Amino acid sequence: TFAAAFGFLATVAAALTDRLARALTPERGVALVTVAAAACLVVSQFSDYRGVEVGQPAYSEVSSIAPAPMVDVKQAGEAHAYMLIPVAAVAAILAVLALATRRWQLGRLVALAGLVGIAVVLLIDLPSGLDEGSTGIGYAGAHAALRDGFYAELAASGVLVVCGFLLSVNLRRARGSARRRMGTSRRTRPPKAPSLARSGP
């Protein structure tokens, strides 16, 4: 019947949810998000991060219908020689190693990699992206504008910072909980019965 089938599906769903909750611990979830953020940072390096709008004042009233033509479009990685790709790779490797070795200190290194990414984006990409350069001289009304790639790499780097700290905190907390459980089990373990030594004649 329908009720029996629904009850069976509910039981299976509850069992799967319970197994998933046991397998997907907070530190594993954070490590997974860290790897995903590192992958997004790599992808963002091949996205357009800046461009120069030509004749922008003339298109201001109709920008939603006919935006100003954009020239000198560049990918995010071009501004800093794609150096954020190895930074993202290091962050992902550190997250996996932190989860495998349970060393919470590696989480801080993941956060440091994210801070490096933010520094590169703000100190290199931002000034370069807002500079019209020679295009501003050759075209009237030229205006440099940041594109999606800039915000994508900035957001991915910020997620690495947050995940790095969360990974460090969760691993340290899990390590402390494991130590407390071991101490409790040792205190509650019943003492061994003394062995009776046979006395000689």
Protein backbone atom coordinates (compact mmCIF):
# COMPACT_ATOMS: atom_id res chain seq x y z
CA THR A 1 0.00 0.00 0.00
CA PHE A 2 0.93 3.67 -0.25
CA ALA A 3 1.35 4.02 3.52
CA ALA A 4 3.70 1.05 3.69
CA ALA A 5 5.77 2.31 0.76
CA PHE A 6 5.95 5.79 2.29
CA GLY A 7 7.02 4.33 5.63
CA PHE A 8 9.75 2.28 3.95
CA LEU A 9 11.08 5.30 2.04
CA ALA A 10 11.03 7.38 5.23
CA THR A 11 13.01 4.70 7.05
CA VAL A 12 15.58 4.50 4.25
CA ALA A 13 15.88 8.30 4.11
CA ALA A 14 16.38 8.49 7.88
CA ALA A 15 19.09 5.82 7.74
CA LEU A 16 20.89 7.59 4.89
CA THR A 17 20.65 10.92 6.69
CA ASP A 18 22.10 9.39 9.85
CA ARG A 19 25.02 7.86 7.94
CA LEU A 20 25.66 11.10 6.09
CA ALA A 21 25.63 13.05 9.36
CA ARG A 22 28.23 10.68 10.81
CA ALA A 23 30.43 10.77 7.71
CA LEU A 24 30.21 14.51 6.99
CA THR A 25 31.78 15.95 10.13
CA PRO A 26 32.22 19.73 10.45
CA GLU A 27 35.91 19.55 9.60
CA ARG A 28 35.23 17.40 6.53
CA GLY A 29 32.57 19.82 5.37
CA VAL A 30 34.89 22.80 5.79
CA ALA A 31 37.69 20.99 3.95
CA LEU A 32 35.30 20.23 1.08
CA VAL A 33 34.27 23.89 0.84
CA THR A 34 37.96 24.88 0.93
CA VAL A 35 38.78 22.67 -2.04
CA ALA A 36 35.75 24.06 -3.90
CA ALA A 37 36.85 27.65 -3.16
CA ALA A 38 40.37 26.87 -4.40
CA ALA A 39 38.88 25.47 -7.62
CA CYS A 40 36.79 28.64 -8.04
CA LEU A 41 39.92 30.74 -7.55
CA VAL A 42 41.64 28.83 -10.35
CA VAL A 43 38.66 29.25 -12.67
CA SER A 44 38.46 32.97 -11.91
CA GLN A 45 41.97 33.44 -13.25
CA PHE A 46 40.68 32.72 -16.75
CA SER A 47 37.69 35.08 -16.44
CA ASP A 48 37.64 38.68 -17.61
CA TYR A 49 38.43 40.94 -14.70
CA ARG A 50 38.63 44.37 -16.34
CA GLY A 51 37.85 46.29 -19.48
CA VAL A 52 37.73 49.83 -20.77
CA GLU A 53 34.33 51.21 -21.77
CA VAL A 54 34.61 53.51 -24.78
CA GLY A 55 32.31 56.53 -25.04
CA GLN A 56 30.71 55.67 -21.71
CA PRO A 57 29.07 59.12 -21.12
CA ALA A 58 27.13 58.84 -24.39
CA TYR A 59 25.68 55.47 -23.32
CA SER A 60 24.79 56.44 -19.75
CA GLU A 61 21.06 56.88 -20.44
CA VAL A 62 20.70 53.63 -22.41
CA SER A 63 23.29 51.49 -20.61
CA SER A 64 20.71 48.86 -19.67
CA ILE A 65 19.69 48.41 -23.31
CA ALA A 66 22.88 49.17 -25.23
CA PRO A 67 25.95 49.20 -22.96
CA ALA A 68 29.06 51.04 -24.01
CA PRO A 69 31.48 48.98 -26.11
CA MET A 70 34.34 47.54 -24.07
CA VAL A 71 37.92 47.18 -25.28
CA ASP A 72 41.22 46.12 -23.73
CA VAL A 73 39.51 43.28 -21.85
CA LYS A 74 41.94 41.17 -19.80
CA GLN A 75 41.76 37.99 -17.79
CA ALA A 76 42.36 38.12 -14.06
CA GLY A 77 45.52 36.04 -14.21
CA GLU A 78 47.20 38.38 -16.66
CA ALA A 79 47.56 41.10 -14.04
CA HIS A 80 49.72 38.99 -11.72
CA ALA A 81 51.19 36.31 -14.02
CA TYR A 82 48.62 33.73 -12.84
CA MET A 83 50.34 33.45 -9.47
CA LEU A 84 47.07 32.74 -7.68
CA ILE A 85 46.81 29.34 -9.37
CA PRO A 86 49.66 27.85 -7.28
CA VAL A 87 48.29 29.67 -4.24
CA ALA A 88 44.93 27.94 -4.76
CA ALA A 89 46.62 24.58 -5.28
CA VAL A 90 48.62 24.98 -2.06
CA ALA A 91 45.48 25.91 -0.14
CA ALA A 92 43.63 22.80 -1.37
CA ILE A 93 46.58 20.51 -0.58
CA LEU A 94 46.95 22.00 2.90
CA ALA A 95 43.25 21.48 3.60
CA VAL A 96 43.45 17.81 2.59
CA LEU A 97 46.61 17.30 4.64
CA ALA A 98 45.05 19.00 7.66
CA LEU A 99 42.08 16.66 7.46
CA ALA A 100 44.26 13.58 6.97
CA THR A 101 46.82 14.34 9.68
CA ARG A 102 44.43 16.13 12.08
CA ARG A 103 46.97 18.96 12.41
CA TRP A 104 44.92 22.07 13.13
CA GLN A 105 47.91 24.35 12.49
CA LEU A 106 47.62 23.64 8.76
CA GLY A 107 44.24 25.35 8.77
CA ARG A 108 45.95 28.62 9.61
CA LEU A 109 48.20 28.17 6.59
CA VAL A 110 45.07 27.79 4.44
CA ALA A 111 43.85 31.11 5.84
CA LEU A 112 47.25 32.62 5.09
CA ALA A 113 46.96 31.48 1.47
CA GLY A 114 43.59 33.23 1.29
CA LEU A 115 45.12 36.41 2.71
CA VAL A 116 47.82 36.25 0.04
CA GLY A 117 45.09 36.02 -2.57
CA ILE A 118 43.26 39.05 -1.15
CA ALA A 119 46.51 41.04 -1.06
CA VAL A 120 47.27 40.22 -4.70
CA VAL A 121 43.75 41.15 -5.80
CA LEU A 122 43.68 44.47 -3.92
CA LEU A 123 47.28 45.57 -4.39
CA ILE A 124 47.89 44.42 -7.98
CA ASP A 125 44.62 43.68 -9.77
CA LEU A 126 42.60 46.62 -8.44
CA PRO A 127 45.01 49.42 -9.48
CA SER A 128 45.72 47.72 -12.79
CA GLY A 129 42.06 47.12 -13.47
CA LEU A 130 41.10 50.76 -12.94
CA ASP A 131 43.90 52.13 -15.12
CA GLU A 132 42.75 53.09 -18.63
CA GLY A 133 46.35 53.20 -19.85
CA SER A 134 46.91 54.01 -23.50
CA THR A 135 43.27 53.20 -24.26
CA GLY A 136 42.17 56.24 -22.27
CA ILE A 137 44.34 58.44 -24.48
CA GLY A 138 43.18 56.96 -27.78
CA TYR A 139 39.44 56.98 -27.06
CA ALA A 140 37.19 59.78 -25.84
CA GLY A 141 35.14 59.09 -22.74
CA ALA A 142 37.09 55.93 -21.87
CA HIS A 143 36.34 54.47 -18.47
CA ALA A 144 38.02 51.44 -16.91
CA ALA A 145 35.60 49.04 -15.21
CA LEU A 146 36.05 45.92 -13.14
CA ARG A 147 34.29 42.77 -14.33
CA ASP A 148 33.07 39.52 -12.80
CA GLY A 149 36.49 37.87 -12.70
CA PHE A 150 37.78 40.45 -10.23
CA TYR A 151 34.96 39.90 -7.76
CA ALA A 152 35.10 36.14 -8.23
CA GLU A 153 38.78 35.90 -7.28
CA LEU A 154 38.27 38.27 -4.36
CA ALA A 155 35.32 36.24 -3.06
CA ALA A 156 37.17 32.92 -3.48
CA SER A 157 40.17 34.26 -1.58
CA GLY A 158 37.90 35.49 1.21
CA VAL A 159 36.25 32.07 1.48
CA LEU A 160 39.71 30.49 1.82
CA VAL A 161 40.46 32.79 4.75
CA VAL A 162 37.21 31.93 6.54
CA CYS A 163 37.50 28.20 5.81
CA GLY A 164 41.09 28.13 6.98
CA PHE A 165 40.17 29.51 10.38
CA LEU A 166 37.10 27.26 10.65
CA LEU A 167 39.15 24.20 9.72
CA SER A 168 41.72 25.08 12.36
CA VAL A 169 39.07 25.61 15.04
CA ASN A 170 37.13 22.44 14.23
CA LEU A 171 40.21 20.22 14.07
CA ARG A 172 41.50 21.61 17.35
CA ARG A 173 38.10 21.11 18.98
CA ALA A 174 37.82 17.55 17.65
CA ARG A 175 41.31 16.79 18.91
CA GLY A 176 40.44 18.09 22.38
CA SER A 177 37.22 16.05 22.44
CA ALA A 178 39.11 12.90 21.50
CA ARG A 179 41.60 13.47 24.31
CA ARG A 180 38.81 14.00 26.82
CA ARG A 181 37.09 10.80 25.72
CA MET A 182 40.34 8.87 26.09
CA GLY A 183 40.88 10.30 29.57
CA THR A 184 37.33 9.44 30.61
CA SER A 185 37.61 5.87 29.33
CA ARG A 186 40.85 5.38 31.23
CA ARG A 187 39.34 6.66 34.47
CA THR A 188 36.21 4.53 34.17
CA ARG A 189 38.03 1.35 33.14
CA PRO A 190 37.67 -1.26 35.95
CA PRO A 191 40.92 -2.29 37.61
CA LYS A 192 42.38 -5.64 36.72
CA ALA A 193 41.93 -8.40 39.28
CA PRO A 194 45.21 -9.29 40.99
CA SER A 195 46.61 -12.61 39.90
CA LEU A 196 47.08 -15.22 42.61
CA ALA A 197 50.65 -16.40 42.63
CA ARG A 198 51.13 -20.00 43.61
CA SER A 199 53.19 -20.41 46.72
CA GLY A 200 55.84 -23.09 46.86
CA PRO A 201 55.83 -26.02 49.39
